C-alpha atoms as a PDB file:
ATOM      1  CA  MET A   1      15.638  25.537  -3.597  1.00  0.00           C
ATOM      2  CA  ALA A   2      13.954  22.207  -3.668  1.00  0.00           C
ATOM      3  CA  ILE A   3      11.626  21.245  -0.803  1.00  0.00           C
ATOM      4  CA  LYS A   4      12.950  18.189   1.055  1.00  0.00           C
ATOM      5  CA  ALA A   5      10.856  15.192   2.109  1.00  0.00           C
ATOM      6  CA  THR A   6       9.530  15.106   5.643  1.00  0.00           C
ATOM      7  CA  VAL A   7      10.659  12.159   7.645  1.00  0.00           C
ATOM      8  CA  PHE A   8       8.118  10.107   9.705  1.00  0.00           C
ATOM      9  CA  LYS A   9       9.111   7.281  12.085  1.00  0.00           C
ATOM     10  CA  ALA A  10       6.621   4.382  12.686  1.00  0.00           C
ATOM     11  CA  ALA A  11       6.954   1.591  15.116  1.00  0.00           C
ATOM     12  CA  LEU A  12       4.555  -0.919  13.578  1.00  0.00           C
ATOM     13  CA  GLN A  13       3.501  -4.175  15.359  1.00  0.00           C
ATOM     14  CA  ILE A  14       1.813  -6.596  12.828  1.00  0.00           C
ATOM     15  CA  ALA A  15      -0.416  -9.527  13.933  1.00  0.00           C
ATOM     16  CA  ASP A  16      -1.478 -11.169  10.720  1.00  0.00           C
ATOM     17  CA  MET A  17      -3.455 -14.321  11.704  1.00  0.00           C
ATOM     18  CA  ASP A  18      -4.144 -15.330   8.103  1.00  0.00           C
ATOM     19  CA  ARG A  19      -0.506 -15.642   7.147  1.00  0.00           C
ATOM     20  CA  HIS A  20       0.890 -16.479  10.598  1.00  0.00           C
ATOM     21  CA  TYR A  21       3.039 -13.230  10.325  1.00  0.00           C
ATOM     22  CA  TYR A  22       3.871 -11.599  13.521  1.00  0.00           C
ATOM     23  CA  ALA A  23       6.553  -8.962  13.680  1.00  0.00           C
ATOM     24  CA  ASP A  24       7.540  -5.537  14.854  1.00  0.00           C
ATOM     25  CA  HIS A  25       8.849  -3.122  12.288  1.00  0.00           C
ATOM     26  CA  ALA A  26      10.751   0.198  12.919  1.00  0.00           C
ATOM     27  CA  LEU A  27       9.948   2.113   9.758  1.00  0.00           C
ATOM     28  CA  THR A  28      11.152   5.337   8.355  1.00  0.00           C
ATOM     29  CA  LEU A  29       8.891   6.956   5.893  1.00  0.00           C
ATOM     30  CA  ALA A  30       9.909   9.850   3.650  1.00  0.00           C
ATOM     31  CA  ARG A  31       6.780  11.893   2.768  1.00  0.00           C
ATOM     32  CA  HIS A  32       7.440  13.488  -0.601  1.00  0.00           C
ATOM     33  CA  PRO A  33       6.557  17.166  -0.651  1.00  0.00           C
ATOM     34  CA  SER A  34       3.649  16.651  -2.868  1.00  0.00           C
ATOM     35  CA  GLU A  35       2.312  13.645  -0.783  1.00  0.00           C
ATOM     36  CA  THR A  36      -0.504  13.950   1.726  1.00  0.00           C
ATOM     37  CA  ASP A  37      -0.700  12.283   5.107  1.00  0.00           C
ATOM     38  CA  GLU A  38      -3.625  10.313   3.636  1.00  0.00           C
ATOM     39  CA  ARG A  39      -1.304   8.837   0.917  1.00  0.00           C
ATOM     40  CA  MET A  40       1.544   8.260   3.259  1.00  0.00           C
ATOM     41  CA  MET A  41      -0.647   6.309   5.633  1.00  0.00           C
ATOM     42  CA  VAL A  42      -2.142   4.224   2.690  1.00  0.00           C
ATOM     43  CA  ARG A  43       1.571   3.335   1.956  1.00  0.00           C
ATOM     44  CA  LEU A  44       2.018   2.300   5.611  1.00  0.00           C
ATOM     45  CA  LEU A  45      -1.172   0.264   5.489  1.00  0.00           C
ATOM     46  CA  ALA A  46      -0.020  -1.477   2.239  1.00  0.00           C
ATOM     47  CA  PHE A  47       3.323  -2.331   4.104  1.00  0.00           C
ATOM     48  CA  ALA A  48       1.237  -3.964   6.854  1.00  0.00           C
ATOM     49  CA  LEU A  49      -0.928  -5.884   4.399  1.00  0.00           C
ATOM     50  CA  TYR A  50       1.945  -7.515   2.600  1.00  0.00           C
ATOM     51  CA  ALA A  51       4.879  -7.290   5.153  1.00  0.00           C
ATOM     52  CA  ASP A  52       7.664  -9.788   5.035  1.00  0.00           C
ATOM     53  CA  GLU A  53      11.459  -9.703   5.429  1.00  0.00           C
ATOM     54  CA  PHE A  54      11.954  -8.576   1.863  1.00  0.00           C
ATOM     55  CA  LEU A  55       9.295  -5.876   1.443  1.00  0.00           C
ATOM     56  CA  THR A  56      10.679  -2.299   1.227  1.00  0.00           C
ATOM     57  CA  PHE A  57       9.523   1.111   0.394  1.00  0.00           C
ATOM     58  CA  ALA A  58      10.830   2.220  -3.044  1.00  0.00           C
ATOM     59  CA  LYS A  59      11.011   5.592  -4.579  1.00  0.00           C
ATOM     60  CA  GLY A  60       7.264   5.822  -5.461  1.00  0.00           C
ATOM     61  CA  LEU A  61       6.411   9.306  -6.376  1.00  0.00           C
ATOM     62  CA  SER A  62      10.019  10.335  -6.782  1.00  0.00           C
ATOM     63  CA  SER A  63      10.494   7.814  -9.707  1.00  0.00           C
ATOM     64  CA  ASP A  64       8.563   6.502 -12.688  1.00  0.00           C
ATOM     65  CA  GLU A  65      10.482   3.305 -12.704  1.00  0.00           C
ATOM     66  CA  GLU A  66       9.753   2.309  -8.928  1.00  0.00           C
ATOM     67  CA  PRO A  67       6.547   1.457  -7.081  1.00  0.00           C
ATOM     68  CA  ASP A  68       5.632   2.689  -3.717  1.00  0.00           C
ATOM     69  CA  LEU A  69       6.696  -0.612  -2.145  1.00  0.00           C
ATOM     70  CA  TRP A  70       8.306  -3.840  -3.561  1.00  0.00           C
ATOM     71  CA  HIS A  71       9.528  -7.174  -2.632  1.00  0.00           C
ATOM     72  CA  LYS A  72      12.494  -8.466  -4.558  1.00  0.00           C
ATOM     73  CA  ASP A  73      13.834 -11.897  -4.031  1.00  0.00           C
ATOM     74  CA  LEU A  74      17.526 -12.663  -3.580  1.00  0.00           C
ATOM     75  CA  THR A  75      18.304 -12.576  -7.254  1.00  0.00           C
ATOM     76  CA  GLY A  76      16.738  -9.146  -7.671  1.00  0.00           C
ATOM     77  CA  ALA A  77      13.629 -10.343  -9.398  1.00  0.00           C
ATOM     78  CA  ILE A  78      10.502  -8.322  -8.436  1.00  0.00           C
ATOM     79  CA  GLU A  79       7.973 -10.753  -6.616  1.00  0.00           C
ATOM     80  CA  ARG A  80       5.493  -8.007  -5.702  1.00  0.00           C
ATOM     81  CA  TRP A  81       4.996  -4.523  -6.957  1.00  0.00           C
ATOM     82  CA  ILE A  82       2.636  -2.375  -5.038  1.00  0.00           C
ATOM     83  CA  GLU A  83       1.242   1.053  -6.136  1.00  0.00           C
ATOM     84  CA  VAL A  84      -0.923   3.367  -4.047  1.00  0.00           C
ATOM     85  CA  GLY A  85      -3.373   5.737  -5.564  1.00  0.00           C
ATOM     86  CA  LEU A  86      -4.695   5.910  -9.173  1.00  0.00           C
ATOM     87  CA  PRO A  87      -1.669   4.921 -11.376  1.00  0.00           C
ATOM     88  CA  ASP A  88      -1.667   5.245 -15.134  1.00  0.00           C
ATOM     89  CA  GLU A  89      -2.974   2.192 -16.908  1.00  0.00           C
ATOM     90  CA  ARG A  90       0.228   1.925 -19.081  1.00  0.00           C
ATOM     91  CA  ALA A  91       2.314   2.077 -15.961  1.00  0.00           C
ATOM     92  CA  ILE A  92       0.363  -0.823 -14.497  1.00  0.00           C
ATOM     93  CA  ARG A  93       0.766  -2.889 -17.672  1.00  0.00           C
ATOM     94  CA  LYS A  94       4.569  -2.326 -17.539  1.00  0.00           C
ATOM     95  CA  ALA A  95       4.717  -3.301 -13.887  1.00  0.00           C
ATOM     96  CA  CYS A  96       2.783  -6.463 -14.660  1.00  0.00           C
ATOM     97  CA  GLY A  97       5.538  -7.352 -17.189  1.00  0.00           C
ATOM     98  CA  ARG A  98       8.227  -6.815 -14.611  1.00  0.00           C
ATOM     99  CA  ALA A  99       6.765  -8.420 -11.434  1.00  0.00           C
ATOM    100  CA  THR A 100       5.131 -11.673 -10.418  1.00  0.00           C
ATOM    101  CA  HIS A 101       2.304 -10.019  -8.624  1.00  0.00           C
ATOM    102  CA  VAL A 102       1.169  -6.366  -8.948  1.00  0.00           C
ATOM    103  CA  VAL A 103      -1.171  -4.700  -6.460  1.00  0.00           C
ATOM    104  CA  VAL A 104      -2.838  -1.331  -6.815  1.00  0.00           C
ATOM    105  CA  ILE A 105      -4.508  -0.002  -3.623  1.00  0.00           C
ATOM    106  CA  SER A 106      -6.804   2.732  -4.869  1.00  0.00           C
ATOM    107  CA  TYR A 107      -8.495   5.373  -2.632  1.00  0.00           C
ATOM    108  CA  GLY A 108     -10.173   8.645  -2.921  1.00  0.00           C
ATOM    109  CA  ARG A 109     -13.361  10.124  -4.506  1.00  0.00           C
ATOM    110  CA  ALA A 110     -12.060   9.719  -7.950  1.00  0.00           C
ATOM    111  CA  ALA A 111     -11.173   5.938  -7.645  1.00  0.00           C
ATOM    112  CA  PRO A 112     -14.565   4.678  -8.923  1.00  0.00           C
ATOM    113  CA  ILE A 113     -14.174   6.811 -12.007  1.00  0.00           C
ATOM    114  CA  TRP A 114     -10.488   5.720 -12.401  1.00  0.00           C
ATOM    115  CA  TRP A 115     -11.725   2.128 -12.166  1.00  0.00           C
ATOM    116  CA  ASN A 116     -14.498   2.510 -14.694  1.00  0.00           C
ATOM    117  CA  GLU A 117     -12.121   4.156 -17.264  1.00  0.00           C
ATOM    118  CA  ASN A 118      -9.364   1.429 -16.783  1.00  0.00           C
ATOM    119  CA  ARG A 119     -11.221  -1.667 -15.865  1.00  0.00           C
ATOM    120  CA  ASP A 120     -11.557  -3.271 -19.392  1.00  0.00           C
ATOM    121  CA  LYS A 121      -7.748  -2.996 -20.063  1.00  0.00           C
ATOM    122  CA  LEU A 122      -6.758  -4.016 -16.487  1.00  0.00           C
ATOM    123  CA  GLN A 123      -8.860  -7.126 -16.361  1.00  0.00           C
ATOM    124  CA  ARG A 124      -6.692  -8.703 -18.979  1.00  0.00           C
ATOM    125  CA  LEU A 125      -3.784  -8.730 -16.557  1.00  0.00           C
ATOM    126  CA  SER A 126      -3.904 -12.019 -14.697  1.00  0.00           C
ATOM    127  CA  ASN A 127      -1.139 -11.006 -12.096  1.00  0.00           C
ATOM    128  CA  LEU A 128      -2.927  -7.842 -11.014  1.00  0.00           C
ATOM    129  CA  ALA A 129      -4.958  -7.298  -7.992  1.00  0.00           C
ATOM    130  CA  VAL A 130      -6.827  -3.961  -7.427  1.00  0.00           C
ATOM    131  CA  LEU A 131      -8.053  -2.971  -3.978  1.00  0.00           C
ATOM    132  CA  ASN A 132     -10.234   0.114  -3.081  1.00  0.00           C
ATOM    133  CA  LEU A 133     -10.281   1.738   0.406  1.00  0.00           C
ATOM    134  CA  PRO A 134     -13.339   3.876   1.404  1.00  0.00           C
ATOM    135  CA  THR A 135     -12.629   7.522   1.661  1.00  0.00           C
ATOM    136  CA  GLU A 136     -13.722   7.604   5.284  1.00  0.00           C
ATOM    137  CA  THR A 137     -11.033   5.023   5.999  1.00  0.00           C
ATOM    138  CA  THR A 138      -8.237   6.784   4.373  1.00  0.00           C
ATOM    139  CA  GLN A 139      -9.110   9.997   6.065  1.00  0.00           C
ATOM    140  CA  ALA A 140      -9.295   8.308   9.290  1.00  0.00           C
ATOM    141  CA  LEU A 141      -5.808   6.804   8.669  1.00  0.00           C
ATOM    142  CA  ALA A 142      -4.553  10.304   7.852  1.00  0.00           C
ATOM    143  CA  ALA A 143      -5.789  11.427  11.294  1.00  0.00           C
ATOM    144  CA  LEU A 144      -3.387   8.963  12.842  1.00  0.00           C
ATOM    145  CA  ALA A 145      -0.288  10.520  11.138  1.00  0.00           C
ATOM    146  CA  SER A 146       2.255  12.060  13.284  1.00  0.00           C
ATOM    147  CA  ARG A 147       6.052  12.356  13.020  1.00  0.00           C
ATOM    148  CA  THR A 148       6.550   9.511  15.530  1.00  0.00           C
ATOM    149  CA  MET A 149       3.888   6.786  15.571  1.00  0.00           C
ATOM    150  CA  GLN A 150       3.207   3.625  17.455  1.00  0.00           C
ATOM    151  CA  LEU A 151       0.832   1.545  15.549  1.00  0.00           C
ATOM    152  CA  GLN A 152      -0.588  -1.993  15.797  1.00  0.00           C
ATOM    153  CA  CYS A 153      -2.163  -3.700  12.819  1.00  0.00           C
ATOM    154  CA  THR A 154      -4.192  -6.827  13.248  1.00  0.00           C
ATOM    155  CA  LEU A 155      -5.217  -8.927  10.184  1.00  0.00           C
ATOM    156  CA  GLN A 156      -7.775 -11.676  10.208  1.00  0.00           C
ATOM    157  CA  GLU A 157     -10.078 -13.001   7.519  1.00  0.00           C
ATOM    158  CA  ASP A 158      -9.574  -9.990   5.248  1.00  0.00           C
ATOM    159  CA  HIS A 159     -10.475  -7.568   8.101  1.00  0.00           C
ATOM    160  CA  ILE A 160      -7.955  -5.173   9.246  1.00  0.00           C
ATOM    161  CA  MET A 161      -7.780  -3.184  12.523  1.00  0.00           C
ATOM    162  CA  MET A 162      -5.182  -0.341  12.849  1.00  0.00           C
ATOM    163  CA  THR A 163      -4.729   1.067  16.295  1.00  0.00           C
ATOM    164  CA  SER A 164      -2.770   3.831  17.790  1.00  0.00           C
ATOM    165  CA  GLU A 165      -2.954   6.013  20.917  1.00  0.00           C
ATOM    166  CA  ALA A 166      -5.153   8.242  18.713  1.00  0.00           C
ATOM    167  CA  GLY A 167      -7.815   5.630  18.146  1.00  0.00           C
ATOM    168  CA  MET A 168      -8.821   2.472  16.207  1.00  0.00           C
ATOM    169  CA  ILE A 169      -9.819   2.110  12.786  1.00  0.00           C
ATOM    170  CA  GLU A 170     -11.557  -0.924  11.118  1.00  0.00           C
ATOM    171  CA  ILE A 171     -10.570  -1.324   7.482  1.00  0.00           C
ATOM    172  CA  GLU A 172     -12.442  -3.434   4.805  1.00  0.00           C
ATOM    173  CA  PRO A 173     -10.918  -3.048   1.342  1.00  0.00           C
ATOM    174  CA  THR A 174     -13.111  -3.797  -1.557  1.00  0.00           C
ATOM    175  CA  VAL A 175     -11.603  -6.173  -4.105  1.00  0.00           C
ATOM    176  CA  TRP A 176     -12.081  -4.834  -7.649  1.00  0.00           C
ATOM    177  CA  GLN A 177      -9.795  -7.363  -9.364  1.00  0.00           C
ATOM    178  CA  GLY A 178      -7.807 -10.367  -8.353  1.00  0.00           C
ATOM    179  CA  SER A 179      -7.746 -11.576  -4.730  1.00  0.00           C
ATOM    180  CA  PHE A 180      -7.042  -9.987  -1.580  1.00  0.00           C
ATOM    181  CA  ARG A 181      -3.351 -10.466  -0.381  1.00  0.00           C
ATOM    182  CA  THR A 182      -2.407 -12.954  -3.063  1.00  0.00           C
ATOM    183  CA  ALA A 183      -0.008 -15.689  -2.052  1.00  0.00           C
ATOM    184  CA  HIS A 184       3.800 -15.037  -1.855  1.00  0.00           C
END
């Protein structure tokens, strides 16, 4: 019998001063059986970074053909493709051919090794942004995970603050390629 996804509910308040985006989102996250709390919370952070009315969670780990999140326009064209983790370089190239903007949010101790191995091929992709999150940050995010979460995310001048009743985390991604939060 297959193990089912675990469902998490997040009430996420976003105050994005840079983009003048202020909204409350009631999100349902299905955590794949092979997914960690750390990865799920990085997906949630990715949502907060790029939130708009069209951004949705996609199949991610459950499908090779879909990212973790995407923004499709009204015609179905993919405006933004967001991957979390250390995706295969070939998959990133394919995504860059399908979407206007592609974002990879890398994390974990192996991320610098992954970047060094893939940098030369990925730097040719003009519509790709690669961000890296420090391990301490993603582990602190994982500690905020619970089946029902109340989170506030404030973004200003590329600084991020994620707050819940469990605490507050300041997040400063490192930009390895492209620009942080490319224009919509």
